[in-house]
N, C-alpha and C. Protein backbone atom coordinates (compact mmCIF):
# COMPACT_ATOMS: atom_id res chain seq x y z
N UNK A 1 12.65 -2.35 -33.19
CA UNK A 1 13.20 -2.56 -31.85
C UNK A 1 14.04 -3.83 -31.85
N UNK A 2 15.06 -3.83 -31.05
CA UNK A 2 15.93 -4.99 -30.97
C UNK A 2 15.52 -5.88 -29.80
N UNK A 3 16.07 -7.08 -29.83
CA UNK A 3 15.73 -8.03 -28.77
C UNK A 3 16.29 -7.58 -27.42
N UNK A 4 17.37 -6.81 -27.46
CA UNK A 4 18.00 -6.35 -26.22
C UNK A 4 17.04 -5.45 -25.44
N UNK A 5 16.29 -4.63 -26.13
CA UNK A 5 15.35 -3.74 -25.45
C UNK A 5 14.25 -4.54 -24.75
N UNK A 6 13.76 -5.57 -25.40
CA UNK A 6 12.74 -6.41 -24.77
C UNK A 6 13.31 -7.18 -23.58
N UNK A 7 14.53 -7.66 -23.72
CA UNK A 7 15.15 -8.41 -22.62
C UNK A 7 15.45 -7.51 -21.43
N UNK A 8 15.85 -6.27 -21.68
CA UNK A 8 16.08 -5.33 -20.58
C UNK A 8 14.77 -5.00 -19.88
N UNK A 9 13.69 -4.81 -20.67
CA UNK A 9 12.38 -4.57 -20.07
C UNK A 9 11.93 -5.76 -19.22
N UNK A 10 12.10 -6.97 -19.75
CA UNK A 10 11.74 -8.16 -18.99
C UNK A 10 12.57 -8.33 -17.74
N UNK A 11 13.87 -8.04 -17.83
CA UNK A 11 14.73 -8.16 -16.65
C UNK A 11 14.36 -7.13 -15.60
N UNK A 12 14.04 -5.91 -16.03
CA UNK A 12 13.64 -4.87 -15.07
C UNK A 12 12.33 -5.25 -14.38
N UNK A 13 11.36 -5.72 -15.15
CA UNK A 13 10.08 -6.13 -14.55
C UNK A 13 10.27 -7.29 -13.59
N UNK A 14 11.10 -8.26 -13.98
CA UNK A 14 11.35 -9.40 -13.11
C UNK A 14 12.04 -8.96 -11.83
N UNK A 15 12.97 -8.02 -11.95
CA UNK A 15 13.67 -7.51 -10.76
C UNK A 15 12.72 -6.79 -9.82
N UNK A 16 11.82 -5.98 -10.38
CA UNK A 16 10.82 -5.31 -9.55
C UNK A 16 9.92 -6.34 -8.85
N UNK A 17 9.58 -7.41 -9.55
CA UNK A 17 8.77 -8.46 -8.95
C UNK A 17 9.47 -9.16 -7.82
N UNK A 18 10.75 -9.48 -8.00
CA UNK A 18 11.53 -10.13 -6.94
C UNK A 18 11.66 -9.20 -5.74
N UNK A 19 11.90 -7.93 -6.01
CA UNK A 19 11.98 -6.95 -4.92
C UNK A 19 10.65 -6.89 -4.15
N UNK A 20 9.54 -6.91 -4.88
CA UNK A 20 8.24 -6.87 -4.23
C UNK A 20 7.97 -8.10 -3.39
N UNK A 21 8.36 -9.27 -3.88
CA UNK A 21 8.15 -10.50 -3.11
C UNK A 21 8.98 -10.49 -1.84
N UNK A 22 10.20 -9.98 -1.93
CA UNK A 22 11.09 -10.03 -0.77
C UNK A 22 10.81 -8.95 0.27
N UNK A 23 10.20 -7.83 -0.14
CA UNK A 23 10.05 -6.73 0.80
C UNK A 23 8.62 -6.50 1.27
N UNK A 24 7.63 -6.95 0.57
CA UNK A 24 6.24 -6.67 0.95
C UNK A 24 5.80 -7.55 2.10
N UNK A 25 4.90 -7.02 2.90
CA UNK A 25 4.34 -7.78 4.02
C UNK A 25 2.91 -8.22 3.74
N UNK A 26 2.21 -7.52 2.89
CA UNK A 26 0.83 -7.85 2.58
C UNK A 26 0.81 -8.98 1.55
N UNK A 27 0.00 -10.00 1.79
CA UNK A 27 -0.03 -11.17 0.92
C UNK A 27 -0.57 -10.84 -0.47
N UNK A 28 -1.48 -9.90 -0.56
CA UNK A 28 -2.02 -9.52 -1.87
C UNK A 28 -0.93 -8.85 -2.71
N UNK A 29 -0.10 -8.03 -2.09
CA UNK A 29 0.98 -7.39 -2.82
C UNK A 29 2.06 -8.39 -3.22
N UNK A 30 2.25 -9.43 -2.44
CA UNK A 30 3.18 -10.49 -2.82
C UNK A 30 2.65 -11.22 -4.05
N UNK A 31 1.35 -11.50 -4.08
CA UNK A 31 0.76 -12.14 -5.25
C UNK A 31 0.86 -11.24 -6.48
N UNK A 32 0.69 -9.95 -6.29
CA UNK A 32 0.84 -9.00 -7.39
C UNK A 32 2.27 -8.99 -7.92
N UNK A 33 3.23 -9.10 -7.05
CA UNK A 33 4.63 -9.15 -7.47
C UNK A 33 4.94 -10.43 -8.24
N UNK A 34 4.34 -11.52 -7.84
CA UNK A 34 4.51 -12.78 -8.57
C UNK A 34 3.92 -12.65 -9.97
N UNK A 35 2.77 -11.98 -10.09
CA UNK A 35 2.18 -11.76 -11.40
C UNK A 35 3.07 -10.88 -12.27
N UNK A 36 3.74 -9.91 -11.67
CA UNK A 36 4.68 -9.07 -12.41
C UNK A 36 5.84 -9.90 -12.94
N UNK A 37 6.31 -10.83 -12.13
CA UNK A 37 7.39 -11.71 -12.58
C UNK A 37 6.94 -12.60 -13.72
N UNK A 38 5.72 -13.11 -13.66
CA UNK A 38 5.21 -13.94 -14.74
C UNK A 38 5.01 -13.14 -16.03
N UNK A 39 4.61 -11.89 -15.92
CA UNK A 39 4.48 -11.03 -17.10
C UNK A 39 5.85 -10.79 -17.74
N UNK A 40 6.88 -10.64 -16.92
CA UNK A 40 8.23 -10.46 -17.45
C UNK A 40 8.69 -11.70 -18.20
N UNK A 41 8.35 -12.87 -17.68
CA UNK A 41 8.68 -14.12 -18.38
C UNK A 41 7.96 -14.18 -19.71
N UNK A 42 6.70 -13.76 -19.75
CA UNK A 42 5.95 -13.76 -21.00
C UNK A 42 6.58 -12.83 -22.03
N UNK A 43 7.04 -11.67 -21.59
CA UNK A 43 7.70 -10.74 -22.52
C UNK A 43 8.94 -11.39 -23.12
N UNK A 44 9.73 -12.05 -22.30
CA UNK A 44 10.93 -12.71 -22.80
C UNK A 44 10.60 -13.86 -23.74
N UNK A 45 9.59 -14.65 -23.41
CA UNK A 45 9.21 -15.76 -24.28
C UNK A 45 8.76 -15.28 -25.65
N UNK A 46 7.92 -14.27 -25.68
CA UNK A 46 7.42 -13.76 -26.96
C UNK A 46 8.53 -13.05 -27.73
N UNK A 47 9.44 -12.37 -27.03
CA UNK A 47 10.56 -11.71 -27.70
C UNK A 47 11.47 -12.73 -28.37
N UNK A 48 11.80 -13.81 -27.67
CA UNK A 48 12.63 -14.84 -28.28
C UNK A 48 11.91 -15.52 -29.43
N UNK A 49 10.61 -15.74 -29.28
CA UNK A 49 9.85 -16.35 -30.36
C UNK A 49 9.82 -15.45 -31.60
N UNK A 50 9.72 -14.16 -31.40
CA UNK A 50 9.66 -13.22 -32.51
C UNK A 50 10.99 -13.10 -33.23
N UNK A 51 12.07 -13.04 -32.47
CA UNK A 51 13.37 -12.85 -33.09
C UNK A 51 14.03 -14.13 -33.55
N UNK A 52 13.50 -15.27 -33.17
CA UNK A 52 13.94 -16.56 -33.69
C UNK A 52 12.81 -17.17 -34.51
N UNK A 53 12.29 -16.40 -35.46
CA UNK A 53 11.08 -16.78 -36.19
C UNK A 53 11.28 -17.99 -37.09
N UNK A 54 12.49 -18.30 -37.46
CA UNK A 54 12.70 -19.45 -38.35
C UNK A 54 12.63 -20.77 -37.59
N UNK A 55 12.64 -20.72 -36.29
CA UNK A 55 12.54 -21.92 -35.46
C UNK A 55 11.06 -22.26 -35.24
N UNK A 56 10.78 -23.14 -34.35
CA UNK A 56 9.40 -23.47 -33.98
C UNK A 56 8.77 -22.30 -33.23
N UNK A 57 7.46 -22.17 -33.30
CA UNK A 57 6.73 -21.09 -32.61
C UNK A 57 6.38 -21.53 -31.19
N UNK A 58 7.38 -21.87 -30.42
CA UNK A 58 7.14 -22.37 -29.07
C UNK A 58 7.00 -21.30 -28.02
N UNK A 59 7.56 -20.12 -28.24
CA UNK A 59 7.51 -19.06 -27.24
C UNK A 59 6.10 -18.59 -26.97
N UNK A 60 5.30 -18.45 -28.01
CA UNK A 60 3.93 -18.00 -27.81
C UNK A 60 3.08 -19.07 -27.14
N UNK A 61 3.36 -20.32 -27.45
CA UNK A 61 2.62 -21.41 -26.81
C UNK A 61 2.97 -21.48 -25.32
N UNK A 62 4.25 -21.34 -25.00
CA UNK A 62 4.65 -21.32 -23.60
C UNK A 62 4.07 -20.12 -22.88
N UNK A 63 3.97 -18.99 -23.57
CA UNK A 63 3.38 -17.80 -22.95
C UNK A 63 1.91 -18.04 -22.62
N UNK A 64 1.20 -18.74 -23.48
CA UNK A 64 -0.19 -19.07 -23.17
C UNK A 64 -0.30 -19.98 -21.95
N UNK A 65 0.62 -20.92 -21.82
CA UNK A 65 0.62 -21.78 -20.63
C UNK A 65 0.93 -20.97 -19.37
N UNK A 66 1.84 -20.02 -19.47
CA UNK A 66 2.16 -19.18 -18.32
C UNK A 66 0.96 -18.34 -17.93
N UNK A 67 0.22 -17.84 -18.92
CA UNK A 67 -1.00 -17.07 -18.62
C UNK A 67 -2.03 -17.95 -17.92
N UNK A 68 -2.17 -19.20 -18.37
CA UNK A 68 -3.12 -20.10 -17.72
C UNK A 68 -2.71 -20.41 -16.28
N UNK A 69 -1.42 -20.62 -16.06
CA UNK A 69 -0.93 -20.88 -14.70
C UNK A 69 -1.12 -19.65 -13.83
N UNK A 70 -0.90 -18.46 -14.40
CA UNK A 70 -1.08 -17.22 -13.64
C UNK A 70 -2.54 -17.03 -13.24
N UNK A 71 -3.46 -17.37 -14.13
CA UNK A 71 -4.88 -17.24 -13.80
C UNK A 71 -5.27 -18.20 -12.68
N UNK A 72 -4.75 -19.41 -12.73
CA UNK A 72 -5.04 -20.37 -11.65
C UNK A 72 -4.41 -19.91 -10.34
N UNK A 73 -3.21 -19.36 -10.43
CA UNK A 73 -2.52 -18.87 -9.22
C UNK A 73 -3.28 -17.73 -8.58
N UNK A 74 -3.84 -16.86 -9.38
CA UNK A 74 -4.62 -15.74 -8.83
C UNK A 74 -5.86 -16.26 -8.14
N UNK A 75 -6.56 -17.16 -8.76
CA UNK A 75 -7.79 -17.69 -8.16
C UNK A 75 -7.53 -18.41 -6.84
N UNK A 76 -6.59 -19.32 -6.83
CA UNK A 76 -6.29 -20.08 -5.63
C UNK A 76 -5.63 -19.20 -4.57
N UNK A 77 -4.69 -18.36 -5.00
CA UNK A 77 -3.97 -17.50 -4.06
C UNK A 77 -4.89 -16.52 -3.35
N UNK A 78 -5.76 -15.88 -4.10
CA UNK A 78 -6.68 -14.92 -3.47
C UNK A 78 -7.69 -15.62 -2.56
N UNK A 79 -8.10 -16.83 -2.92
CA UNK A 79 -9.00 -17.58 -2.04
C UNK A 79 -8.31 -17.91 -0.71
N UNK A 80 -7.06 -18.31 -0.77
CA UNK A 80 -6.32 -18.61 0.45
C UNK A 80 -6.11 -17.35 1.28
N UNK A 81 -5.78 -16.25 0.63
CA UNK A 81 -5.56 -14.99 1.36
C UNK A 81 -6.86 -14.53 2.01
N UNK A 82 -7.98 -14.66 1.33
CA UNK A 82 -9.27 -14.28 1.92
C UNK A 82 -9.62 -15.14 3.13
N UNK A 83 -9.34 -16.44 3.05
CA UNK A 83 -9.61 -17.31 4.20
C UNK A 83 -8.72 -16.95 5.39
N UNK A 84 -7.47 -16.66 5.12
CA UNK A 84 -6.57 -16.25 6.19
C UNK A 84 -7.02 -14.92 6.79
N UNK A 85 -7.45 -13.99 5.94
CA UNK A 85 -7.91 -12.69 6.43
C UNK A 85 -9.16 -12.83 7.29
N UNK A 86 -10.06 -13.74 6.91
CA UNK A 86 -11.27 -13.95 7.72
C UNK A 86 -10.93 -14.49 9.10
N UNK A 87 -9.96 -15.38 9.17
CA UNK A 87 -9.63 -16.00 10.45
C UNK A 87 -8.72 -15.14 11.32
N UNK A 88 -7.81 -14.40 10.73
CA UNK A 88 -6.82 -13.66 11.50
C UNK A 88 -7.01 -12.15 11.50
N UNK A 89 -7.87 -11.62 10.65
CA UNK A 89 -8.16 -10.19 10.54
C UNK A 89 -7.00 -9.37 9.99
N UNK A 90 -6.01 -10.00 9.39
CA UNK A 90 -4.97 -9.30 8.66
C UNK A 90 -4.37 -10.26 7.63
N UNK A 91 -3.71 -9.70 6.62
CA UNK A 91 -3.10 -10.51 5.57
C UNK A 91 -1.59 -10.30 5.56
N UNK A 92 -1.02 -10.12 6.74
CA UNK A 92 0.40 -9.89 6.87
C UNK A 92 1.14 -11.22 6.79
N UNK A 93 2.10 -11.34 5.88
CA UNK A 93 2.79 -12.61 5.71
C UNK A 93 3.76 -12.89 6.86
N UNK A 94 4.15 -11.87 7.61
CA UNK A 94 5.03 -12.10 8.75
C UNK A 94 4.30 -12.83 9.87
N UNK A 95 2.99 -12.69 9.93
CA UNK A 95 2.20 -13.36 10.98
C UNK A 95 1.82 -14.78 10.60
N UNK A 96 2.20 -15.22 9.42
CA UNK A 96 1.80 -16.54 8.96
C UNK A 96 2.89 -17.58 9.13
N UNK A 97 3.82 -17.36 10.04
CA UNK A 97 4.88 -18.32 10.24
C UNK A 97 4.35 -19.60 10.88
N UNK A 98 3.35 -19.49 11.68
CA UNK A 98 2.66 -20.67 12.23
C UNK A 98 1.34 -20.81 11.49
N UNK A 99 1.16 -21.89 10.81
CA UNK A 99 -0.04 -22.05 9.97
C UNK A 99 -1.20 -22.63 10.77
N UNK A 100 -1.32 -22.25 12.03
CA UNK A 100 -2.48 -22.66 12.83
C UNK A 100 -3.56 -21.62 12.62
N UNK A 101 -4.72 -22.06 12.28
CA UNK A 101 -5.83 -21.13 12.10
C UNK A 101 -6.74 -21.30 13.24
């Protein structure tokens, strides 16, 4: 496989993630779209690391950092969404323009 195929896959996944962030109203689906965007970044990082093998192996290390950030984002993000859902009885991001609980 060539690097172009991996980059097209990463670009498509990132585009779907951006579309999901911009169009979804449910906060959980917005978080899922952000995770899709981070997975696309990981694909690109590992693809560049694989096809530039004579350089430093930085792409895989950066991918591990992105995975760690994604895990923290899921934990904190879902906790915030659950607290908002408990107080407001919905997780609609359109209703969160005023952050008064």
